[in-house]
Amino acid sequence: MDLISPDPGRWAARFDRHRWRIRLALPQARTEHIGSTAIGTICAKDVVDILVGEVDVTAAAQALVSAGYVIEGERPNHIWLCWPDPQQREAVVHVVIAGATSGTNGCFSVIS
């Protein structure tokens, strides 16, 4: 995947669209823009990474599938999905247990 020049306005707008879509499916979830596009001032893949904290990772992922996201992979306490599909992804959503530490989900720091 190629890196592109920073485009913080477009990345922030894309995150906002996905945050809205995610909140419709998971009203209580905590949602954060993460990764290089969240920094906004560095070259990055043109894919917005989103961290979602939920109590039940599996149920949350299924709600996102119902909202149109596609599951790409999973490990204990972490399921990641993309939009619109793996070949044209514009966003990757990482669903983890809310309040988990990196030792629990193997990937992320605290989200609560």
N, C-alpha and C. Protein backbone atom coordinates (compact mmCIF):
# COMPACT_ATOMS: atom_id res chain seq x y z
N MET A 1 0.85 -1.18 0.00
CA MET A 1 0.00 0.00 0.00
C MET A 1 0.89 1.23 0.00
N ASP A 2 0.49 2.22 -0.76
CA ASP A 2 1.27 3.45 -0.89
C ASP A 2 0.94 4.44 0.22
N LEU A 3 1.95 5.24 0.57
CA LEU A 3 1.74 6.35 1.49
C LEU A 3 1.39 7.58 0.67
N ILE A 4 0.51 8.41 1.20
CA ILE A 4 0.15 9.64 0.51
C ILE A 4 0.48 10.83 1.41
N SER A 5 0.50 12.01 0.81
CA SER A 5 0.76 13.24 1.57
C SER A 5 -0.35 13.46 2.59
N PRO A 6 -0.02 14.14 3.68
CA PRO A 6 -1.03 14.38 4.72
C PRO A 6 -2.28 15.07 4.17
N ASP A 7 -3.41 14.63 4.63
CA ASP A 7 -4.70 15.22 4.24
C ASP A 7 -5.62 15.20 5.46
N PRO A 8 -5.26 15.98 6.50
CA PRO A 8 -5.97 15.88 7.77
C PRO A 8 -7.46 16.21 7.70
N GLY A 9 -7.86 17.14 6.86
CA GLY A 9 -9.27 17.49 6.75
C GLY A 9 -10.10 16.34 6.19
N ARG A 10 -9.59 15.70 5.15
CA ARG A 10 -10.31 14.59 4.53
C ARG A 10 -10.35 13.39 5.47
N TRP A 11 -9.22 13.11 6.15
CA TRP A 11 -9.19 11.98 7.08
C TRP A 11 -10.12 12.19 8.26
N ALA A 12 -10.14 13.42 8.78
CA ALA A 12 -11.04 13.72 9.91
C ALA A 12 -12.50 13.60 9.48
N ALA A 13 -12.82 14.06 8.29
CA ALA A 13 -14.20 13.95 7.79
C ALA A 13 -14.59 12.48 7.59
N ARG A 14 -13.66 11.69 7.08
CA ARG A 14 -13.94 10.25 6.90
C ARG A 14 -14.17 9.59 8.25
N PHE A 15 -13.32 9.92 9.24
CA PHE A 15 -13.53 9.38 10.59
C PHE A 15 -14.91 9.77 11.12
N ASP A 16 -15.29 11.03 10.95
CA ASP A 16 -16.59 11.48 11.45
C ASP A 16 -17.74 10.71 10.81
N ARG A 17 -17.66 10.43 9.50
CA ARG A 17 -18.70 9.65 8.83
C ARG A 17 -18.79 8.23 9.41
N HIS A 18 -17.63 7.63 9.65
CA HIS A 18 -17.63 6.28 10.21
C HIS A 18 -18.05 6.29 11.68
N ARG A 19 -17.65 7.28 12.42
CA ARG A 19 -18.07 7.36 13.82
C ARG A 19 -19.60 7.43 13.89
N TRP A 20 -20.22 8.20 13.01
CA TRP A 20 -21.68 8.30 12.95
C TRP A 20 -22.29 6.93 12.64
N ARG A 21 -21.74 6.24 11.63
CA ARG A 21 -22.24 4.92 11.23
C ARG A 21 -22.08 3.90 12.38
N ILE A 22 -20.93 3.96 13.05
CA ILE A 22 -20.66 3.05 14.17
C ILE A 22 -21.61 3.34 15.33
N ARG A 23 -21.84 4.60 15.62
CA ARG A 23 -22.73 4.95 16.75
C ARG A 23 -24.17 4.52 16.49
N LEU A 24 -24.59 4.50 15.23
CA LEU A 24 -25.92 3.99 14.93
C LEU A 24 -26.02 2.51 15.28
N ALA A 25 -24.94 1.77 15.02
CA ALA A 25 -24.92 0.32 15.30
C ALA A 25 -24.60 0.02 16.76
N LEU A 26 -23.76 0.87 17.38
CA LEU A 26 -23.28 0.63 18.74
C LEU A 26 -23.36 1.94 19.54
N PRO A 27 -24.55 2.34 19.97
CA PRO A 27 -24.72 3.66 20.60
C PRO A 27 -23.86 3.91 21.83
N GLN A 28 -23.52 2.87 22.58
CA GLN A 28 -22.76 3.06 23.82
C GLN A 28 -21.25 2.93 23.64
N ALA A 29 -20.79 2.59 22.46
CA ALA A 29 -19.37 2.32 22.23
C ALA A 29 -18.54 3.60 22.28
N ARG A 30 -17.35 3.47 22.79
CA ARG A 30 -16.36 4.54 22.73
C ARG A 30 -15.62 4.38 21.42
N THR A 31 -15.46 5.45 20.67
CA THR A 31 -14.86 5.41 19.34
C THR A 31 -13.75 6.44 19.26
N GLU A 32 -12.57 6.01 18.80
CA GLU A 32 -11.41 6.90 18.69
C GLU A 32 -10.76 6.76 17.32
N HIS A 33 -10.30 7.88 16.77
CA HIS A 33 -9.51 7.87 15.55
C HIS A 33 -8.06 7.59 15.97
N ILE A 34 -7.47 6.53 15.41
CA ILE A 34 -6.11 6.13 15.80
C ILE A 34 -5.24 6.01 14.56
N GLY A 35 -3.97 5.78 14.78
CA GLY A 35 -3.04 5.51 13.68
C GLY A 35 -2.52 6.78 13.03
N SER A 36 -1.81 6.59 11.92
CA SER A 36 -1.12 7.71 11.27
C SER A 36 -2.06 8.77 10.74
N THR A 37 -3.27 8.41 10.28
CA THR A 37 -4.19 9.44 9.78
C THR A 37 -4.74 10.29 10.91
N ALA A 38 -4.70 9.80 12.14
CA ALA A 38 -5.14 10.60 13.29
C ALA A 38 -4.12 11.69 13.61
N ILE A 39 -2.86 11.45 13.27
CA ILE A 39 -1.83 12.47 13.49
C ILE A 39 -2.04 13.61 12.52
N GLY A 40 -2.31 13.28 11.27
CA GLY A 40 -2.70 14.27 10.28
C GLY A 40 -1.59 15.08 9.64
N THR A 41 -0.37 14.99 10.15
CA THR A 41 0.72 15.81 9.60
C THR A 41 1.83 14.96 8.99
N ILE A 42 1.61 13.66 8.89
CA ILE A 42 2.63 12.78 8.31
C ILE A 42 2.03 12.01 7.14
N CYS A 43 2.90 11.53 6.26
CA CYS A 43 2.44 10.68 5.17
C CYS A 43 1.84 9.41 5.78
N ALA A 44 0.81 8.89 5.15
CA ALA A 44 0.11 7.73 5.70
C ALA A 44 -0.58 6.95 4.60
N LYS A 45 -0.97 5.72 4.92
CA LYS A 45 -1.87 4.98 4.03
C LYS A 45 -3.19 5.75 4.03
N ASP A 46 -3.88 5.72 2.93
CA ASP A 46 -5.16 6.42 2.84
C ASP A 46 -6.29 5.56 3.41
N VAL A 47 -6.07 5.08 4.65
CA VAL A 47 -7.03 4.24 5.35
C VAL A 47 -7.13 4.76 6.78
N VAL A 48 -8.33 5.12 7.20
CA VAL A 48 -8.54 5.62 8.55
C VAL A 48 -8.72 4.43 9.50
N ASP A 49 -7.94 4.41 10.58
CA ASP A 49 -8.06 3.37 11.60
C ASP A 49 -8.91 3.91 12.74
N ILE A 50 -9.84 3.07 13.19
CA ILE A 50 -10.78 3.46 14.23
C ILE A 50 -10.76 2.39 15.32
N LEU A 51 -10.67 2.84 16.56
CA LEU A 51 -10.69 1.95 17.71
C LEU A 51 -12.06 2.06 18.38
N VAL A 52 -12.71 0.92 18.59
CA VAL A 52 -14.02 0.87 19.22
C VAL A 52 -13.91 0.01 20.47
N GLY A 53 -14.30 0.57 21.61
CA GLY A 53 -14.31 -0.17 22.86
C GLY A 53 -15.72 -0.62 23.20
N GLU A 54 -15.90 -1.90 23.43
CA GLU A 54 -17.20 -2.47 23.76
C GLU A 54 -17.02 -3.57 24.80
N VAL A 55 -18.06 -3.93 25.49
CA VAL A 55 -18.02 -4.99 26.49
C VAL A 55 -17.96 -6.36 25.82
N ASP A 56 -18.75 -6.56 24.77
CA ASP A 56 -18.82 -7.84 24.07
C ASP A 56 -18.31 -7.63 22.64
N VAL A 57 -17.06 -8.01 22.42
CA VAL A 57 -16.40 -7.79 21.13
C VAL A 57 -17.13 -8.51 20.00
N THR A 58 -17.54 -9.74 20.22
CA THR A 58 -18.20 -10.52 19.18
C THR A 58 -19.55 -9.91 18.79
N ALA A 59 -20.36 -9.55 19.77
CA ALA A 59 -21.65 -8.93 19.49
C ALA A 59 -21.47 -7.59 18.78
N ALA A 60 -20.47 -6.82 19.20
CA ALA A 60 -20.21 -5.53 18.57
C ALA A 60 -19.81 -5.72 17.11
N ALA A 61 -18.95 -6.69 16.84
CA ALA A 61 -18.53 -6.95 15.47
C ALA A 61 -19.71 -7.37 14.61
N GLN A 62 -20.60 -8.18 15.15
CA GLN A 62 -21.78 -8.60 14.38
C GLN A 62 -22.70 -7.41 14.09
N ALA A 63 -22.82 -6.48 15.03
CA ALA A 63 -23.61 -5.28 14.78
C ALA A 63 -22.99 -4.45 13.67
N LEU A 64 -21.66 -4.40 13.62
CA LEU A 64 -20.99 -3.66 12.56
C LEU A 64 -21.12 -4.36 11.22
N VAL A 65 -21.12 -5.69 11.21
CA VAL A 65 -21.38 -6.43 9.98
C VAL A 65 -22.77 -6.08 9.45
N SER A 66 -23.73 -6.00 10.34
CA SER A 66 -25.10 -5.63 9.95
C SER A 66 -25.15 -4.21 9.39
N ALA A 67 -24.19 -3.36 9.80
CA ALA A 67 -24.12 -1.99 9.30
C ALA A 67 -23.29 -1.88 8.01
N GLY A 68 -22.78 -3.02 7.52
CA GLY A 68 -22.07 -3.02 6.24
C GLY A 68 -20.58 -3.24 6.30
N TYR A 69 -20.01 -3.34 7.49
CA TYR A 69 -18.57 -3.59 7.60
C TYR A 69 -18.28 -5.06 7.34
N VAL A 70 -17.04 -5.36 6.95
CA VAL A 70 -16.63 -6.72 6.61
C VAL A 70 -15.55 -7.16 7.59
N ILE A 71 -15.76 -8.31 8.25
CA ILE A 71 -14.73 -8.82 9.17
C ILE A 71 -13.52 -9.26 8.36
N GLU A 72 -12.34 -8.78 8.78
CA GLU A 72 -11.09 -9.17 8.13
C GLU A 72 -10.28 -10.14 8.97
N GLY A 73 -10.40 -10.07 10.28
CA GLY A 73 -9.62 -10.96 11.12
C GLY A 73 -9.99 -10.83 12.57
N GLU A 74 -9.46 -11.76 13.35
CA GLU A 74 -9.72 -11.70 14.79
C GLU A 74 -8.65 -12.45 15.55
N ARG A 75 -8.51 -12.06 16.79
CA ARG A 75 -7.68 -12.72 17.79
C ARG A 75 -8.42 -12.56 19.10
N PRO A 76 -7.99 -13.17 20.16
CA PRO A 76 -8.74 -13.03 21.42
C PRO A 76 -8.96 -11.55 21.79
N ASN A 77 -10.21 -11.19 22.02
CA ASN A 77 -10.60 -9.85 22.47
C ASN A 77 -10.32 -8.74 21.45
N HIS A 78 -10.19 -9.08 20.18
CA HIS A 78 -9.90 -8.08 19.14
C HIS A 78 -10.41 -8.62 17.80
N ILE A 79 -11.37 -7.91 17.22
CA ILE A 79 -11.86 -8.23 15.88
C ILE A 79 -11.71 -6.97 15.04
N TRP A 80 -11.17 -7.10 13.83
CA TRP A 80 -11.05 -5.93 12.97
C TRP A 80 -11.86 -6.14 11.70
N LEU A 81 -12.48 -5.03 11.30
CA LEU A 81 -13.37 -5.01 10.16
C LEU A 81 -12.96 -3.87 9.23
N CYS A 82 -13.39 -3.95 7.98
CA CYS A 82 -13.07 -2.87 7.06
C CYS A 82 -14.34 -2.38 6.36
N TRP A 83 -14.19 -1.25 5.70
CA TRP A 83 -15.25 -0.62 4.91
C TRP A 83 -14.62 -0.09 3.65
N PRO A 84 -15.13 -0.22 2.48
CA PRO A 84 -16.30 -1.01 2.16
C PRO A 84 -15.99 -2.49 1.96
N ASP A 85 -14.73 -2.81 1.59
CA ASP A 85 -14.34 -4.21 1.43
C ASP A 85 -12.81 -4.28 1.46
N PRO A 86 -12.23 -5.48 1.59
CA PRO A 86 -10.77 -5.58 1.72
C PRO A 86 -9.98 -5.05 0.51
N GLN A 87 -10.56 -5.03 -0.66
CA GLN A 87 -9.84 -4.55 -1.84
C GLN A 87 -9.87 -3.03 -1.96
N GLN A 88 -10.86 -2.38 -1.38
CA GLN A 88 -11.02 -0.93 -1.53
C GLN A 88 -11.15 -0.23 -0.18
N ARG A 89 -10.52 -0.77 0.85
CA ARG A 89 -10.79 -0.27 2.20
C ARG A 89 -10.45 1.21 2.33
N GLU A 90 -11.36 1.91 2.97
CA GLU A 90 -11.13 3.30 3.33
C GLU A 90 -11.05 3.46 4.84
N ALA A 91 -11.51 2.43 5.57
CA ALA A 91 -11.44 2.46 7.03
C ALA A 91 -11.28 1.03 7.55
N VAL A 92 -10.53 0.92 8.65
CA VAL A 92 -10.42 -0.33 9.39
C VAL A 92 -10.86 -0.03 10.82
N VAL A 93 -11.80 -0.84 11.30
CA VAL A 93 -12.35 -0.66 12.64
C VAL A 93 -11.85 -1.80 13.51
N HIS A 94 -11.16 -1.44 14.59
CA HIS A 94 -10.62 -2.41 15.55
C HIS A 94 -11.54 -2.42 16.76
N VAL A 95 -12.23 -3.54 16.99
CA VAL A 95 -13.14 -3.66 18.13
C VAL A 95 -12.40 -4.42 19.23
N VAL A 96 -12.28 -3.77 20.39
CA VAL A 96 -11.61 -4.36 21.54
C VAL A 96 -12.50 -4.21 22.77
N ILE A 97 -12.13 -4.87 23.85
CA ILE A 97 -12.89 -4.75 25.09
C ILE A 97 -12.64 -3.38 25.71
N ALA A 98 -13.71 -2.67 26.00
CA ALA A 98 -13.59 -1.35 26.63
C ALA A 98 -12.87 -1.49 27.96
N GLY A 99 -11.89 -0.64 28.20
CA GLY A 99 -11.14 -0.66 29.44
C GLY A 99 -9.99 -1.64 29.47
N ALA A 100 -9.82 -2.43 28.40
CA ALA A 100 -8.73 -3.41 28.37
C ALA A 100 -7.39 -2.70 28.19
N THR A 101 -6.34 -3.32 28.69
CA THR A 101 -5.00 -2.80 28.47
C THR A 101 -4.34 -3.62 27.37
N SER A 102 -3.20 -3.17 26.91
CA SER A 102 -2.54 -3.87 25.81
C SER A 102 -2.21 -5.30 26.18
N GLY A 103 -1.99 -5.58 27.45
CA GLY A 103 -1.71 -6.96 27.85
C GLY A 103 -2.92 -7.87 27.70
N THR A 104 -4.11 -7.29 27.71
CA THR A 104 -5.33 -8.07 27.59
C THR A 104 -5.70 -8.34 26.15
N ASN A 105 -5.61 -7.30 25.30
CA ASN A 105 -6.05 -7.51 23.92
C ASN A 105 -4.89 -7.65 22.94
N GLY A 106 -3.67 -7.50 23.43
CA GLY A 106 -2.50 -7.75 22.60
C GLY A 106 -2.18 -6.69 21.57
N CYS A 107 -2.91 -5.58 21.59
CA CYS A 107 -2.69 -4.63 20.51
C CYS A 107 -2.79 -3.17 20.94
N PHE A 108 -3.71 -2.83 21.81
CA PHE A 108 -4.00 -1.44 22.08
C PHE A 108 -3.87 -1.09 23.54
N SER A 109 -3.70 0.20 23.80
CA SER A 109 -3.69 0.67 25.18
C SER A 109 -5.13 0.91 25.63
N VAL A 110 -5.28 1.52 26.77
CA VAL A 110 -6.59 1.64 27.41
C VAL A 110 -7.56 2.46 26.58
N ILE A 111 -8.78 1.98 26.47
CA ILE A 111 -9.92 2.75 25.95
C ILE A 111 -11.07 2.46 26.88
N SER A 112 -11.64 3.50 27.44
CA SER A 112 -12.77 3.30 28.37
C SER A 112 -13.74 4.44 28.28
